[in-house]
Each structure stands twice: as structure tokens, then as C-alpha cells.
Protein backbone atom coordinates (compact mmCIF):
# COMPACT_ATOMS: atom_id res chain seq x y z
CA MET A 1 -34.62 8.49 43.05
CA VAL A 2 -32.62 11.28 41.67
CA ARG A 3 -32.43 10.91 37.88
CA ALA A 4 -29.01 9.82 36.26
CA ARG A 5 -27.72 12.35 33.73
CA GLY A 6 -24.84 11.69 31.55
CA SER A 7 -23.52 14.78 31.03
CA VAL A 8 -20.05 14.21 31.76
CA ALA A 9 -19.84 11.21 29.66
CA THR A 10 -21.47 13.08 26.74
CA ARG A 11 -19.36 16.05 27.08
CA ARG A 12 -16.15 13.80 26.72
CA ARG A 13 -17.45 11.50 23.88
CA ARG A 14 -18.43 14.91 22.04
CA LYS A 15 -14.66 16.58 22.85
CA ARG A 16 -13.36 13.32 21.66
CA ILE A 17 -15.10 13.43 18.73
CA LEU A 18 -14.25 17.38 17.84
CA LYS A 19 -10.60 16.98 18.59
CA LYS A 20 -10.13 14.32 15.97
CA ALA A 21 -11.92 16.68 13.88
CA LYS A 22 -9.72 19.39 14.37
CA GLY A 23 -8.11 20.42 10.93
CA PHE A 24 -11.43 19.89 9.18
CA ARG A 25 -13.03 23.01 7.53
CA GLY A 26 -15.89 24.93 8.35
CA ALA A 27 -18.53 23.40 10.64
CA ARG A 28 -17.31 19.78 10.16
CA SER A 29 -14.71 20.49 12.85
CA LYS A 30 -17.32 22.86 14.96
CA LEU A 31 -20.65 21.02 15.03
CA PHE A 32 -20.86 17.67 16.47
CA LYS A 33 -23.12 16.02 14.21
CA SER A 34 -21.27 17.16 10.99
CA ALA A 35 -17.92 16.38 12.65
CA LYS A 36 -19.16 12.45 13.31
CA GLU A 37 -20.57 11.94 10.16
CA THR A 38 -17.24 13.57 8.47
CA LEU A 39 -14.96 11.37 10.78
CA ILE A 40 -16.99 8.16 9.77
CA ARG A 41 -16.23 8.84 6.05
CA ALA A 42 -13.01 9.62 6.49
CA GLY A 43 -12.63 6.33 8.19
CA VAL A 44 -13.93 4.28 5.19
CA TYR A 45 -11.51 6.07 2.71
CA SER A 46 -8.76 5.34 4.81
CA TYR A 47 -9.38 1.62 5.20
CA ARG A 48 -10.15 1.75 1.67
CA ASP A 49 -7.13 3.30 0.41
CA ARG A 50 -4.54 1.28 2.80
CA ARG A 51 -5.67 -1.37 0.25
CA VAL A 52 -5.32 0.58 -2.75
CA ARG A 53 -1.76 1.96 -1.74
CA ARG A 54 -0.52 -1.69 -1.53
CA ARG A 55 -2.18 -2.10 -5.05
CA ASP A 56 -0.44 1.09 -6.15
CA PHE A 57 2.99 -0.27 -4.76
CA ARG A 58 2.55 -3.59 -6.64
CA SER A 59 1.80 -2.19 -9.71
CA LEU A 60 4.92 0.18 -9.44
CA TRP A 61 7.52 -2.39 -8.77
CA ILE A 62 6.09 -4.56 -11.37
CA THR A 63 6.59 -1.36 -13.72
CA ARG A 64 10.10 -1.10 -12.60
CA ILE A 65 11.10 -5.09 -12.94
CA GLY A 66 9.51 -4.89 -16.28
CA ALA A 67 11.57 -2.51 -17.55
CA ALA A 68 14.69 -3.56 -15.99
CA THR A 69 14.02 -6.78 -17.80
CA LYS A 70 13.55 -5.14 -21.09
CA LEU A 71 16.87 -3.76 -20.92
CA ASN A 72 18.68 -7.33 -20.34
CA GLY A 73 16.28 -8.60 -23.55
CA LEU A 74 13.63 -10.28 -21.44
CA SER A 75 9.83 -9.98 -20.61
CA TYR A 76 8.54 -9.52 -17.36
CA SER A 77 6.48 -12.80 -17.53
CA ARG A 78 9.15 -14.76 -18.60
CA PHE A 79 11.73 -13.31 -16.17
CA ILE A 80 8.96 -14.11 -13.13
CA ASP A 81 8.79 -17.69 -14.72
CA GLY A 82 12.02 -18.28 -15.11
CA LEU A 83 12.67 -17.20 -11.38
CA LYS A 84 9.99 -19.79 -10.46
CA LYS A 85 11.61 -22.60 -12.15
CA ALA A 86 15.01 -21.49 -10.55
CA GLY A 87 13.62 -21.45 -7.25
CA VAL A 88 14.24 -18.05 -6.81
CA GLU A 89 12.00 -16.68 -3.96
CA LEU A 90 12.40 -13.10 -4.12
CA ASP A 91 9.13 -10.95 -3.83
CA ARG A 92 8.62 -8.13 -6.16
CA LYS A 93 9.62 -5.56 -4.04
CA ALA A 94 13.02 -6.81 -3.38
CA LEU A 95 13.10 -7.44 -7.05
CA ALA A 96 12.34 -3.78 -7.87
CA GLU A 97 14.88 -2.73 -5.13
CA ILE A 98 17.26 -4.79 -6.68
CA ALA A 99 16.80 -3.52 -10.37
CA VAL A 100 17.00 0.11 -9.52
CA ARG A 101 20.28 0.07 -7.09
CA ASP A 102 22.13 -3.35 -8.08
CA GLU A 103 22.16 -3.68 -12.25
CA ALA A 104 24.71 -6.29 -11.83
CA GLY A 105 22.88 -8.33 -9.45
CA PHE A 106 19.87 -7.93 -11.81
CA THR A 107 21.39 -9.05 -14.65
CA ALA A 108 22.63 -12.13 -12.88
CA LEU A 109 19.21 -12.61 -11.56
CA VAL A 110 18.03 -12.11 -15.44
CA GLU A 111 20.29 -14.60 -16.92
CA ARG A 112 19.10 -17.36 -13.87
CA ALA A 113 16.01 -16.99 -15.18
CA LYS A 114 17.03 -17.30 -18.72
CA THR A 115 18.83 -20.84 -17.91
CA ALA A 116 16.18 -22.07 -15.77
CA SER A 117 13.32 -21.44 -18.69
CA GLU A 118 15.71 -22.98 -21.19
CA MET A 119 16.04 -26.23 -19.18
CA ALA A 120 12.42 -26.79 -18.62
């Protein structure tokens, strides 16, 4: 029986890896082994940093909301507590967008949060 050689599959697999490593520097884009190791590490970093990006955005939104509530004479924690008691179900992303783009609307939300926290 003839020995089966995997040259076509091997070449295809190596070309696919090297194509993904195209922008890397030096041997990392030229040599299969280096490219493969670098791609694995890059995948780990991208997976991790997708979660870090969400964390960073959440902290940015909280900072923006905190600054806007300070201008209206309220702390961030009291504002969020008041919104929960008032039954306002806006997430932090939406609240930050309102704080940046619509000052009058945000002031109305702060007043609503103040009255809700005084009632309870």
C-alpha cells in the first residue's frame, strides 16, 4: 500500500497560520513555529482585553455620571440609589450619554432621584 502523505493539508494549515501572522515583526511573520506561538498569545490577549475594555468603559461611564451628579449637588451613590428607589431602569451607559448630551434631562433625573430617596 502507498504511504499517505499529508503535504497538501500541511501546506494549507501552515499558509493559514502565516497569513494570520502577516503584520508581525521579523521571524514571527515568516517562520511557522514562531508565528503559531505568537498567534496563540495574541488570541489570549485579545480574549482578555475584550473583558478589560468592558471594565474600562463601565468605569468611564461611572466617572461621567459622578461628575454630572456633583454639578447637581448629589453624590453618585445617592443618585444611583435614588434611581433604583424611583424605579428608573436606565443602565450606566445610557445615563452617561444623557449626562453628556442632555443636561436638562439629566437634571430632571437627579431631581427624581432626590425625591425618591427622601420618600423612602
